Amino acid sequence: MVEIAMDDLAGIPQDNWIQVQFDALLEEPAVQGLRIGEFCGVDNPQMFAESVAKFIEPDFVFEKKVYPTETEWNAINPMIEQVRERIGFV
């Protein structure tokens, strides 16, 4: 799915989209909120960033965790690593 999205984005000028890593959004909501607000051209990006920081719970815990078996992990990990490399998350 991410691979399809990345392929589709390759046909769109890079100035027209922004990439936000979910981990970064949880770890630095104000920083990422400011990036998003500036990209979207909101009237007050700083206030937008502050709202994002208040909205995202810093101690957020996923309610549902999925742990793949070793066999499943061995099957999907190469795909995950390809995508991580492609988006610069290595």
C-alpha atoms as a PDB file:
ATOM      1  CA  MET A   1       0.000   0.000   0.000  1.00  0.00           C
ATOM      2  CA  VAL A   2       2.782   2.459   0.909  1.00  0.00           C
ATOM      3  CA  GLU A   3       4.653   1.412  -2.221  1.00  0.00           C
ATOM      4  CA  ILE A   4       1.601   2.271  -4.352  1.00  0.00           C
ATOM      5  CA  ALA A   5       1.264   5.645  -2.650  1.00  0.00           C
ATOM      6  CA  MET A   6       4.960   6.412  -3.189  1.00  0.00           C
ATOM      7  CA  ASP A   7       4.666   5.465  -6.860  1.00  0.00           C
ATOM      8  CA  ASP A   8       1.612   7.696  -7.221  1.00  0.00           C
ATOM      9  CA  LEU A   9       3.365  10.594  -5.468  1.00  0.00           C
ATOM     10  CA  ALA A  10       6.267  10.335  -7.913  1.00  0.00           C
ATOM     11  CA  GLY A  11       3.932  11.777 -10.562  1.00  0.00           C
ATOM     12  CA  ILE A  12       2.958  14.786  -8.424  1.00  0.00           C
ATOM     13  CA  PRO A  13       5.254  17.800  -7.998  1.00  0.00           C
ATOM     14  CA  GLN A  14       7.013  17.465  -4.639  1.00  0.00           C
ATOM     15  CA  ASP A  15       5.880  20.959  -3.615  1.00  0.00           C
ATOM     16  CA  ASN A  16       2.285  19.674  -3.638  1.00  0.00           C
ATOM     17  CA  TRP A  17       2.607  17.019  -0.926  1.00  0.00           C
ATOM     18  CA  ILE A  18       4.235  16.465   2.444  1.00  0.00           C
ATOM     19  CA  GLN A  19       5.469  13.298   4.076  1.00  0.00           C
ATOM     20  CA  VAL A  20       4.852  12.932   7.807  1.00  0.00           C
ATOM     21  CA  GLN A  21       6.084   9.928   9.717  1.00  0.00           C
ATOM     22  CA  PHE A  22       3.567   8.738  12.276  1.00  0.00           C
ATOM     23  CA  ASP A  23       6.325   8.081  14.837  1.00  0.00           C
ATOM     24  CA  ALA A  24       7.578  11.656  14.475  1.00  0.00           C
ATOM     25  CA  LEU A  25       4.037  13.000  14.842  1.00  0.00           C
ATOM     26  CA  LEU A  26       3.659  11.159  18.164  1.00  0.00           C
ATOM     27  CA  GLU A  27       7.159  12.072  19.388  1.00  0.00           C
ATOM     28  CA  GLU A  28       7.173  15.740  18.290  1.00  0.00           C
ATOM     29  CA  PRO A  29       3.587  16.795  17.684  1.00  0.00           C
ATOM     30  CA  ALA A  30       4.287  20.547  17.817  1.00  0.00           C
ATOM     31  CA  VAL A  31       7.222  20.318  15.392  1.00  0.00           C
ATOM     32  CA  GLN A  32       5.301  18.155  12.943  1.00  0.00           C
ATOM     33  CA  GLY A  33       2.147  20.231  13.419  1.00  0.00           C
ATOM     34  CA  LEU A  34       4.100  23.356  12.492  1.00  0.00           C
ATOM     35  CA  ARG A  35       5.435  21.631   9.346  1.00  0.00           C
ATOM     36  CA  ILE A  36       1.919  20.571   8.374  1.00  0.00           C
ATOM     37  CA  GLY A  37       0.403  23.965   9.157  1.00  0.00           C
ATOM     38  CA  GLU A  38       3.051  25.805   7.144  1.00  0.00           C
ATOM     39  CA  PHE A  39       2.680  23.375   4.252  1.00  0.00           C
ATOM     40  CA  CYS A  40      -1.102  23.787   4.202  1.00  0.00           C
ATOM     41  CA  GLY A  41      -0.858  27.555   4.480  1.00  0.00           C
ATOM     42  CA  VAL A  42      -3.035  27.889   7.575  1.00  0.00           C
ATOM     43  CA  ASP A  43      -3.411  31.467   8.842  1.00  0.00           C
ATOM     44  CA  ASN A  44      -1.545  30.829  12.090  1.00  0.00           C
ATOM     45  CA  PRO A  45       0.790  27.815  11.799  1.00  0.00           C
ATOM     46  CA  GLN A  46       2.090  28.265  15.349  1.00  0.00           C
ATOM     47  CA  MET A  47      -1.407  28.119  16.838  1.00  0.00           C
ATOM     48  CA  PHE A  48      -2.160  25.116  14.629  1.00  0.00           C
ATOM     49  CA  ALA A  49       0.992  23.401  15.951  1.00  0.00           C
ATOM     50  CA  GLU A  50      -0.027  24.119  19.541  1.00  0.00           C
ATOM     51  CA  SER A  51      -3.460  22.629  18.866  1.00  0.00           C
ATOM     52  CA  VAL A  52      -1.852  19.527  17.385  1.00  0.00           C
ATOM     53  CA  ALA A  53       0.398  19.181  20.441  1.00  0.00           C
ATOM     54  CA  LYS A  54      -2.601  19.425  22.782  1.00  0.00           C
ATOM     55  CA  PHE A  55      -4.644  16.991  20.690  1.00  0.00           C
ATOM     56  CA  ILE A  56      -2.001  14.249  20.513  1.00  0.00           C
ATOM     57  CA  GLU A  57      -1.713  12.485  23.829  1.00  0.00           C
ATOM     58  CA  PRO A  58       2.008  12.065  24.639  1.00  0.00           C
ATOM     59  CA  ASP A  59       1.398   8.789  26.465  1.00  0.00           C
ATOM     60  CA  PHE A  60      -0.811   7.381  23.715  1.00  0.00           C
ATOM     61  CA  VAL A  61      -0.766   3.595  23.723  1.00  0.00           C
ATOM     62  CA  PHE A  62      -2.175   1.609  20.855  1.00  0.00           C
ATOM     63  CA  GLU A  63      -5.150  -0.396  22.049  1.00  0.00           C
ATOM     64  CA  LYS A  64      -4.532  -3.170  19.620  1.00  0.00           C
ATOM     65  CA  LYS A  65      -1.096  -4.628  19.047  1.00  0.00           C
ATOM     66  CA  VAL A  66      -0.323  -7.236  16.464  1.00  0.00           C
ATOM     67  CA  TYR A  67       2.763  -9.326  16.807  1.00  0.00           C
ATOM     68  CA  PRO A  68       3.566 -11.368  13.714  1.00  0.00           C
ATOM     69  CA  THR A  69       4.948 -14.844  14.100  1.00  0.00           C
ATOM     70  CA  GLU A  70       8.591 -15.358  13.116  1.00  0.00           C
ATOM     71  CA  THR A  71       7.499 -16.865   9.796  1.00  0.00           C
ATOM     72  CA  GLU A  72       5.177 -13.922   9.083  1.00  0.00           C
ATOM     73  CA  TRP A  73       7.879 -11.433  10.081  1.00  0.00           C
ATOM     74  CA  ASN A  74      10.420 -13.091   7.791  1.00  0.00           C
ATOM     75  CA  ALA A  75       7.930 -12.809   4.925  1.00  0.00           C
ATOM     76  CA  ILE A  76       7.020  -9.136   5.450  1.00  0.00           C
ATOM     77  CA  ASN A  77      10.269  -7.652   6.769  1.00  0.00           C
ATOM     78  CA  PRO A  78      11.968  -7.356   3.337  1.00  0.00           C
ATOM     79  CA  MET A  79       8.982  -5.349   2.073  1.00  0.00           C
ATOM     80  CA  ILE A  80       9.042  -3.129   5.150  1.00  0.00           C
ATOM     81  CA  GLU A  81      12.756  -2.474   4.778  1.00  0.00           C
ATOM     82  CA  GLN A  82      12.353  -1.531   1.108  1.00  0.00           C
ATOM     83  CA  VAL A  83       9.710   1.033   1.995  1.00  0.00           C
ATOM     84  CA  ARG A  84      11.739   2.351   4.943  1.00  0.00           C
ATOM     85  CA  GLU A  85      14.721   2.877   2.652  1.00  0.00           C
ATOM     86  CA  ARG A  86      12.596   4.534  -0.011  1.00  0.00           C
ATOM     87  CA  ILE A  87      11.116   7.067   2.411  1.00  0.00           C
ATOM     88  CA  GLY A  88      14.457   7.645   4.136  1.00  0.00           C
ATOM     89  CA  PHE A  89      13.501   6.090   7.448  1.00  0.00           C
ATOM     90  CA  VAL A  90      16.605   4.012   8.104  1.00  0.00           C
END
